Amino acid sequence: MKLIDFTQVENIFIVCGKTDMRRQIDGLAATITEEYDMDVYNDALFLFCGGNKDRFKALYWEGDGFILLYKRLENSVIQWPRTKEEVRTITQQELRWLFEGLKIDQPKAIKKVKTGYFN
């Protein structure tokens, strides 16, 4: 058995809004397949957050079974996007920001610029 290396996961998806955190593997997988029409067996990590923004769940298919991670933070909260009921792709950097208690939309983060100068 190996534990997931988040830096090697091809796709990271965050389910914006609130998720019923009583759901376990089957319920969370059904949310992804039925509500969002996505493949849970792809190389993807799916993140969920409930009403309390001090805890989240992560679902990952490891090839022979699902891994369900549950984390509760002590003395801090996650800056979880609450404005839309959607699944959103995030980058490794945005995942680190989320785990560090920062918003995934950093207004002052340096963004790559496409200039077209060399094209």
C-alpha atoms as a PDB file:
ATOM      1  CA  MET A   1       0.000   0.000   0.000  1.00  0.00           C
ATOM      2  CA  LYS A   2       1.270   3.449  -0.873  1.00  0.00           C
ATOM      3  CA  LEU A   3      -0.095   6.721   0.324  1.00  0.00           C
ATOM      4  CA  ILE A   4      -0.951   9.390  -2.174  1.00  0.00           C
ATOM      5  CA  ASP A   5       1.736  11.875  -3.219  1.00  0.00           C
ATOM      6  CA  PHE A   6      -0.272  15.018  -3.988  1.00  0.00           C
ATOM      7  CA  THR A   7       2.532  16.397  -6.157  1.00  0.00           C
ATOM      8  CA  GLN A   8       2.152  13.486  -8.583  1.00  0.00           C
ATOM      9  CA  VAL A   9      -1.626  13.652  -9.039  1.00  0.00           C
ATOM     10  CA  GLU A  10      -2.547  14.736 -12.549  1.00  0.00           C
ATOM     11  CA  ASN A  11      -5.830  16.497 -11.719  1.00  0.00           C
ATOM     12  CA  ILE A  12      -7.000  18.208  -8.539  1.00  0.00           C
ATOM     13  CA  PHE A  13     -10.659  19.194  -8.272  1.00  0.00           C
ATOM     14  CA  ILE A  14     -12.314  21.193  -5.523  1.00  0.00           C
ATOM     15  CA  VAL A  15     -16.054  20.876  -5.040  1.00  0.00           C
ATOM     16  CA  CYS A  16     -17.047  24.474  -4.268  1.00  0.00           C
ATOM     17  CA  GLY A  17     -19.817  25.213  -1.823  1.00  0.00           C
ATOM     18  CA  LYS A  18     -20.863  22.922   1.005  1.00  0.00           C
ATOM     19  CA  THR A  19     -20.835  19.127   0.908  1.00  0.00           C
ATOM     20  CA  ASP A  20     -22.620  16.878   3.393  1.00  0.00           C
ATOM     21  CA  MET A  21     -19.616  15.632   5.370  1.00  0.00           C
ATOM     22  CA  ARG A  22     -21.534  12.610   6.652  1.00  0.00           C
ATOM     23  CA  ARG A  23     -20.999  11.119   3.199  1.00  0.00           C
ATOM     24  CA  GLN A  24     -18.323   8.484   2.938  1.00  0.00           C
ATOM     25  CA  ILE A  25     -16.569   6.985  -0.096  1.00  0.00           C
ATOM     26  CA  ASP A  26     -19.656   5.791  -1.976  1.00  0.00           C
ATOM     27  CA  GLY A  27     -21.617   8.981  -1.333  1.00  0.00           C
ATOM     28  CA  LEU A  28     -18.769  11.278  -2.347  1.00  0.00           C
ATOM     29  CA  ALA A  29     -18.027   9.197  -5.456  1.00  0.00           C
ATOM     30  CA  ALA A  30     -21.735   9.360  -6.367  1.00  0.00           C
ATOM     31  CA  THR A  31     -21.637  13.147  -5.986  1.00  0.00           C
ATOM     32  CA  ILE A  32     -18.807  13.335  -8.523  1.00  0.00           C
ATOM     33  CA  THR A  33     -20.334  10.926 -11.037  1.00  0.00           C
ATOM     34  CA  GLU A  34     -24.012  11.853 -10.747  1.00  0.00           C
ATOM     35  CA  GLU A  35     -24.007  15.580  -9.989  1.00  0.00           C
ATOM     36  CA  TYR A  36     -20.953  16.607 -12.009  1.00  0.00           C
ATOM     37  CA  ASP A  37     -20.712  13.802 -14.615  1.00  0.00           C
ATOM     38  CA  MET A  38     -17.005  13.225 -13.925  1.00  0.00           C
ATOM     39  CA  ASP A  39     -14.894  10.061 -13.790  1.00  0.00           C
ATOM     40  CA  VAL A  40     -13.762   9.279 -10.219  1.00  0.00           C
ATOM     41  CA  TYR A  41     -11.416   6.566 -11.529  1.00  0.00           C
ATOM     42  CA  ASN A  42      -9.252   9.044 -13.404  1.00  0.00           C
ATOM     43  CA  ASP A  43      -5.951  10.194 -11.863  1.00  0.00           C
ATOM     44  CA  ALA A  44      -7.720  12.851  -9.827  1.00  0.00           C
ATOM     45  CA  LEU A  45      -7.994  14.076  -6.274  1.00  0.00           C
ATOM     46  CA  PHE A  46     -11.429  15.412  -5.283  1.00  0.00           C
ATOM     47  CA  LEU A  47     -11.709  17.791  -2.324  1.00  0.00           C
ATOM     48  CA  PHE A  48     -14.882  18.437  -0.292  1.00  0.00           C
ATOM     49  CA  CYS A  49     -15.733  20.789   2.578  1.00  0.00           C
ATOM     50  CA  GLY A  50     -18.845  21.000   4.744  1.00  0.00           C
ATOM     51  CA  GLY A  51     -20.363  23.799   6.777  1.00  0.00           C
ATOM     52  CA  ASN A  52     -17.452  23.911   9.198  1.00  0.00           C
ATOM     53  CA  LYS A  53     -14.488  25.338   7.344  1.00  0.00           C
ATOM     54  CA  ASP A  54     -12.027  23.725   9.736  1.00  0.00           C
ATOM     55  CA  ARG A  55     -12.255  20.295   8.079  1.00  0.00           C
ATOM     56  CA  PHE A  56     -12.245  18.733   4.633  1.00  0.00           C
ATOM     57  CA  LYS A  57     -12.265  15.352   2.910  1.00  0.00           C
ATOM     58  CA  ALA A  58     -10.262  14.182  -0.071  1.00  0.00           C
ATOM     59  CA  LEU A  59     -11.179  11.235  -2.303  1.00  0.00           C
ATOM     60  CA  TYR A  60      -8.653   9.476  -4.540  1.00  0.00           C
ATOM     61  CA  TRP A  61      -8.810   6.268  -6.609  1.00  0.00           C
ATOM     62  CA  GLU A  62      -5.491   4.450  -6.158  1.00  0.00           C
ATOM     63  CA  GLY A  63      -5.990   1.771  -8.798  1.00  0.00           C
ATOM     64  CA  ASP A  64      -7.266  -0.984  -6.521  1.00  0.00           C
ATOM     65  CA  GLY A  65      -9.463   1.019  -4.184  1.00  0.00           C
ATOM     66  CA  PHE A  66     -10.374   4.452  -2.901  1.00  0.00           C
ATOM     67  CA  ILE A  67      -8.477   6.456  -0.324  1.00  0.00           C
ATOM     68  CA  LEU A  68     -10.585   8.788   1.797  1.00  0.00           C
ATOM     69  CA  LEU A  69      -8.669  11.400   3.748  1.00  0.00           C
ATOM     70  CA  TYR A  70     -10.279  13.489   6.464  1.00  0.00           C
ATOM     71  CA  LYS A  71      -8.531  16.388   8.106  1.00  0.00           C
ATOM     72  CA  ARG A  72      -9.680  18.666  10.900  1.00  0.00           C
ATOM     73  CA  LEU A  73      -7.575  21.743  11.534  1.00  0.00           C
ATOM     74  CA  GLU A  74      -6.911  23.016  15.031  1.00  0.00           C
ATOM     75  CA  ASN A  75      -7.222  26.783  15.534  1.00  0.00           C
ATOM     76  CA  SER A  76      -7.625  27.716  11.858  1.00  0.00           C
ATOM     77  CA  VAL A  77     -10.040  27.532   8.949  1.00  0.00           C
ATOM     78  CA  ILE A  78      -9.795  26.722   5.265  1.00  0.00           C
ATOM     79  CA  GLN A  79     -10.580  29.513   2.813  1.00  0.00           C
ATOM     80  CA  TRP A  80     -13.025  27.337   0.874  1.00  0.00           C
ATOM     81  CA  PRO A  81     -14.765  28.871  -2.182  1.00  0.00           C
ATOM     82  CA  ARG A  82     -18.472  29.130  -1.309  1.00  0.00           C
ATOM     83  CA  THR A  83     -19.864  31.214  -4.147  1.00  0.00           C
ATOM     84  CA  LYS A  84     -20.625  28.527  -6.735  1.00  0.00           C
ATOM     85  CA  GLU A  85     -21.932  24.994  -6.667  1.00  0.00           C
ATOM     86  CA  GLU A  86     -19.416  23.576  -9.107  1.00  0.00           C
ATOM     87  CA  VAL A  87     -16.299  21.494  -9.427  1.00  0.00           C
ATOM     88  CA  ARG A  88     -13.231  23.553 -10.174  1.00  0.00           C
ATOM     89  CA  THR A  89      -9.755  22.485 -11.266  1.00  0.00           C
ATOM     90  CA  ILE A  90      -6.948  23.805  -9.085  1.00  0.00           C
ATOM     91  CA  THR A  91      -3.176  23.717  -9.417  1.00  0.00           C
ATOM     92  CA  GLN A  92      -0.606  22.236  -7.047  1.00  0.00           C
ATOM     93  CA  GLN A  93       0.182  25.790  -5.885  1.00  0.00           C
ATOM     94  CA  GLU A  94      -3.487  26.534  -5.175  1.00  0.00           C
ATOM     95  CA  LEU A  95      -3.718  23.250  -3.244  1.00  0.00           C
ATOM     96  CA  ARG A  96      -0.748  24.321  -1.098  1.00  0.00           C
ATOM     97  CA  TRP A  97      -2.383  27.716  -0.490  1.00  0.00           C
ATOM     98  CA  LEU A  98      -5.614  25.992   0.544  1.00  0.00           C
ATOM     99  CA  PHE A  99      -3.774  23.693   2.964  1.00  0.00           C
ATOM    100  CA  GLU A 100      -1.915  26.713   4.383  1.00  0.00           C
ATOM    101  CA  GLY A 101      -5.188  28.504   5.144  1.00  0.00           C
ATOM    102  CA  LEU A 102      -4.962  30.918   2.205  1.00  0.00           C
ATOM    103  CA  LYS A 103      -7.505  31.612  -0.520  1.00  0.00           C
ATOM    104  CA  ILE A 104      -6.910  29.779  -3.784  1.00  0.00           C
ATOM    105  CA  ASP A 105      -7.518  33.020  -5.671  1.00  0.00           C
ATOM    106  CA  GLN A 106      -4.514  35.053  -4.601  1.00  0.00           C
ATOM    107  CA  PRO A 107      -4.936  38.572  -6.015  1.00  0.00           C
ATOM    108  CA  LYS A 108      -1.236  39.382  -5.680  1.00  0.00           C
ATOM    109  CA  ALA A 109       0.149  36.114  -6.991  1.00  0.00           C
ATOM    110  CA  ILE A 110       2.401  36.494  -9.991  1.00  0.00           C
ATOM    111  CA  LYS A 111       0.694  35.133 -13.070  1.00  0.00           C
ATOM    112  CA  LYS A 112       2.424  33.987 -16.244  1.00  0.00           C
ATOM    113  CA  VAL A 113       2.060  36.457 -19.074  1.00  0.00           C
ATOM    114  CA  LYS A 114       1.482  35.367 -22.659  1.00  0.00           C
ATOM    115  CA  THR A 115       3.074  38.038 -24.767  1.00  0.00           C
ATOM    116  CA  GLY A 116       3.092  36.401 -28.184  1.00  0.00           C
ATOM    117  CA  TYR A 117       6.511  38.016 -28.687  1.00  0.00           C
ATOM    118  CA  PHE A 118       8.240  34.769 -29.599  1.00  0.00           C
ATOM    119  CA  ASN A 119       5.356  33.220 -31.514  1.00  0.00           C
END
